C-alpha atoms as a PDB file:
ATOM      1  CA  MET A   1      30.619 -17.549  53.036  1.00  0.00           C
ATOM      2  CA  SER A   2      27.521 -17.152  55.146  1.00  0.00           C
ATOM      3  CA  THR A   3      26.681 -19.101  58.337  1.00  0.00           C
ATOM      4  CA  VAL A   4      23.195 -20.514  59.325  1.00  0.00           C
ATOM      5  CA  ALA A   5      22.514 -20.555  63.020  1.00  0.00           C
ATOM      6  CA  ILE A   6      20.771 -23.804  64.102  1.00  0.00           C
ATOM      7  CA  PRO A   7      19.149 -23.674  67.592  1.00  0.00           C
ATOM      8  CA  LEU A   8      19.954 -26.542  69.836  1.00  0.00           C
ATOM      9  CA  LEU A   9      16.966 -28.945  70.712  1.00  0.00           C
ATOM     10  CA  THR A  10      15.562 -28.744  74.243  1.00  0.00           C
ATOM     11  CA  VAL A  11      14.048 -31.358  76.515  1.00  0.00           C
ATOM     12  CA  GLU A  12      10.657 -29.852  75.585  1.00  0.00           C
ATOM     13  CA  ASN A  13      11.403 -30.636  71.915  1.00  0.00           C
ATOM     14  CA  TYR A  14      12.491 -34.126  72.728  1.00  0.00           C
ATOM     15  CA  ARG A  15       9.250 -34.697  74.695  1.00  0.00           C
ATOM     16  CA  ILE A  16       7.014 -34.040  71.787  1.00  0.00           C
ATOM     17  CA  LEU A  17       8.582 -36.566  69.469  1.00  0.00           C
ATOM     18  CA  PRO A  18       6.472 -39.616  68.768  1.00  0.00           C
ATOM     19  CA  GLU A  19       7.031 -42.502  70.927  1.00  0.00           C
ATOM     20  CA  THR A  20       6.716 -44.948  67.864  1.00  0.00           C
ATOM     21  CA  GLY A  21       9.339 -45.497  65.199  1.00  0.00           C
ATOM     22  CA  PRO A  22      13.002 -45.205  66.014  1.00  0.00           C
ATOM     23  CA  ARG A  23      14.315 -44.239  69.412  1.00  0.00           C
ATOM     24  CA  TYR A  24      16.257 -41.020  69.819  1.00  0.00           C
ATOM     25  CA  GLN A  25      18.734 -39.679  72.193  1.00  0.00           C
ATOM     26  CA  LEU A  26      19.213 -35.995  72.937  1.00  0.00           C
ATOM     27  CA  ILE A  27      22.854 -35.312  73.512  1.00  0.00           C
ATOM     28  CA  GLU A  28      23.981 -31.685  74.192  1.00  0.00           C
ATOM     29  CA  GLY A  29      21.182 -30.220  72.072  1.00  0.00           C
ATOM     30  CA  ASP A  30      21.618 -32.616  69.106  1.00  0.00           C
ATOM     31  CA  LEU A  31      19.228 -35.574  68.208  1.00  0.00           C
ATOM     32  CA  TYR A  32      20.688 -38.942  67.502  1.00  0.00           C
ATOM     33  CA  ILE A  33      18.956 -42.188  66.440  1.00  0.00           C
ATOM     34  CA  ALA A  34      19.588 -44.564  69.319  1.00  0.00           C
ATOM     35  CA  PRO A  35      20.496 -48.148  68.106  1.00  0.00           C
ATOM     36  CA  ALA A  36      18.381 -50.983  69.635  1.00  0.00           C
ATOM     37  CA  PRO A  37      20.287 -52.675  72.416  1.00  0.00           C
ATOM     38  CA  ASN A  38      21.917 -56.103  71.506  1.00  0.00           C
ATOM     39  CA  ARG A  39      21.959 -59.111  73.535  1.00  0.00           C
ATOM     40  CA  TYR A  40      25.537 -58.276  75.035  1.00  0.00           C
ATOM     41  CA  HIS A  41      24.089 -54.977  76.134  1.00  0.00           C
ATOM     42  CA  GLN A  42      21.076 -56.707  77.710  1.00  0.00           C
ATOM     43  CA  ASP A  43      23.242 -59.315  79.624  1.00  0.00           C
ATOM     44  CA  ILE A  44      25.335 -56.521  81.167  1.00  0.00           C
ATOM     45  CA  SER A  45      22.306 -54.509  82.096  1.00  0.00           C
ATOM     46  CA  ARG A  46      20.707 -57.638  83.793  1.00  0.00           C
ATOM     47  CA  ASN A  47      24.060 -58.244  85.654  1.00  0.00           C
ATOM     48  CA  LEU A  48      24.261 -54.681  86.920  1.00  0.00           C
ATOM     49  CA  GLU A  49      20.750 -54.839  88.098  1.00  0.00           C
ATOM     50  CA  TYR A  50      21.333 -58.010  90.052  1.00  0.00           C
ATOM     51  CA  ILE A  51      24.442 -56.453  91.658  1.00  0.00           C
ATOM     52  CA  LEU A  52      22.583 -53.206  92.560  1.00  0.00           C
ATOM     53  CA  LEU A  53      19.610 -55.211  93.900  1.00  0.00           C
ATOM     54  CA  GLU A  54      21.895 -57.243  96.115  1.00  0.00           C
ATOM     55  CA  TYR A  55      23.642 -54.126  97.458  1.00  0.00           C
ATOM     56  CA  LEU A  56      20.185 -52.451  98.146  1.00  0.00           C
ATOM     57  CA  GLU A  57      19.135 -55.453 100.022  1.00  0.00           C
ATOM     58  CA  GLU A  58      22.107 -55.192 102.399  1.00  0.00           C
ATOM     59  CA  HIS A  59      21.984 -51.385 102.518  1.00  0.00           C
ATOM     60  CA  PRO A  60      18.437 -50.215 102.277  1.00  0.00           C
ATOM     61  CA  ILE A  61      17.700 -46.666 101.271  1.00  0.00           C
ATOM     62  CA  ALA A  62      15.203 -44.406 103.001  1.00  0.00           C
ATOM     63  CA  PHE A  63      12.472 -44.613 100.270  1.00  0.00           C
ATOM     64  CA  SER A  64      11.228 -47.405  98.047  1.00  0.00           C
ATOM     65  CA  THR A  65      11.668 -47.098  94.387  1.00  0.00           C
ATOM     66  CA  THR A  66      12.415 -49.058  91.328  1.00  0.00           C
ATOM     67  CA  LEU A  67      15.981 -49.004  89.847  1.00  0.00           C
ATOM     68  CA  HIS A  68      14.590 -47.636  86.477  1.00  0.00           C
ATOM     69  CA  SER A  69      12.856 -44.590  88.145  1.00  0.00           C
ATOM     70  CA  MET A  70      16.095 -44.047  90.258  1.00  0.00           C
ATOM     71  CA  PHE A  71      18.260 -43.859  87.244  1.00  0.00           C
ATOM     72  CA  THR A  72      15.903 -41.736  85.344  1.00  0.00           C
ATOM     73  CA  SER A  73      15.918 -39.301  88.311  1.00  0.00           C
ATOM     74  CA  MET A  74      19.595 -39.284  88.294  1.00  0.00           C
ATOM     75  CA  ILE A  75      19.721 -38.459  84.653  1.00  0.00           C
ATOM     76  CA  ALA A  76      17.126 -35.677  84.897  1.00  0.00           C
ATOM     77  CA  MET A  77      19.052 -34.151  87.870  1.00  0.00           C
ATOM     78  CA  SER A  78      22.469 -34.293  85.829  1.00  0.00           C
ATOM     79  CA  SER A  79      20.910 -32.381  82.883  1.00  0.00           C
ATOM     80  CA  ASN A  80      20.409 -28.653  82.561  1.00  0.00           C
ATOM     81  CA  PRO A  81      17.726 -28.048  79.836  1.00  0.00           C
ATOM     82  CA  THR A  82      17.563 -24.301  80.541  1.00  0.00           C
ATOM     83  CA  SER A  83      21.067 -23.783  79.236  1.00  0.00           C
ATOM     84  CA  TRP A  84      20.250 -25.564  75.913  1.00  0.00           C
ATOM     85  CA  SER A  85      17.269 -23.602  75.065  1.00  0.00           C
ATOM     86  CA  SER A  86      19.300 -20.327  74.614  1.00  0.00           C
ATOM     87  CA  SER A  87      22.187 -21.917  72.898  1.00  0.00           C
ATOM     88  CA  THR A  88      22.730 -22.046  69.038  1.00  0.00           C
ATOM     89  CA  ARG A  89      25.298 -23.780  67.019  1.00  0.00           C
ATOM     90  CA  THR A  90      26.458 -22.148  63.728  1.00  0.00           C
ATOM     91  CA  PHE A  91      27.334 -24.166  60.540  1.00  0.00           C
ATOM     92  CA  PRO A  92      28.629 -22.791  57.336  1.00  0.00           C
ATOM     93  CA  SER A  93      25.907 -22.695  54.547  1.00  0.00           C
END
């Protein structure tokens, strides 16, 4: 049985996807369709935002930013796209 090497997707591959249509997530080089958030998810998200905003009012940080951009930066710093581009995953054909 032969195997087929399928390269893992990179952040660059993800960024060229169209912004319309289904939402996607790139997880360890694999592309997944992301389900739309439901009401329960939205309620939890709003509650967390409120808790964080209260905390930040009492403990201001050195720079002004929105929570969204702060989380986006944290996610970007935790990823390592250079290691994804050289990796491949093999599957039996």
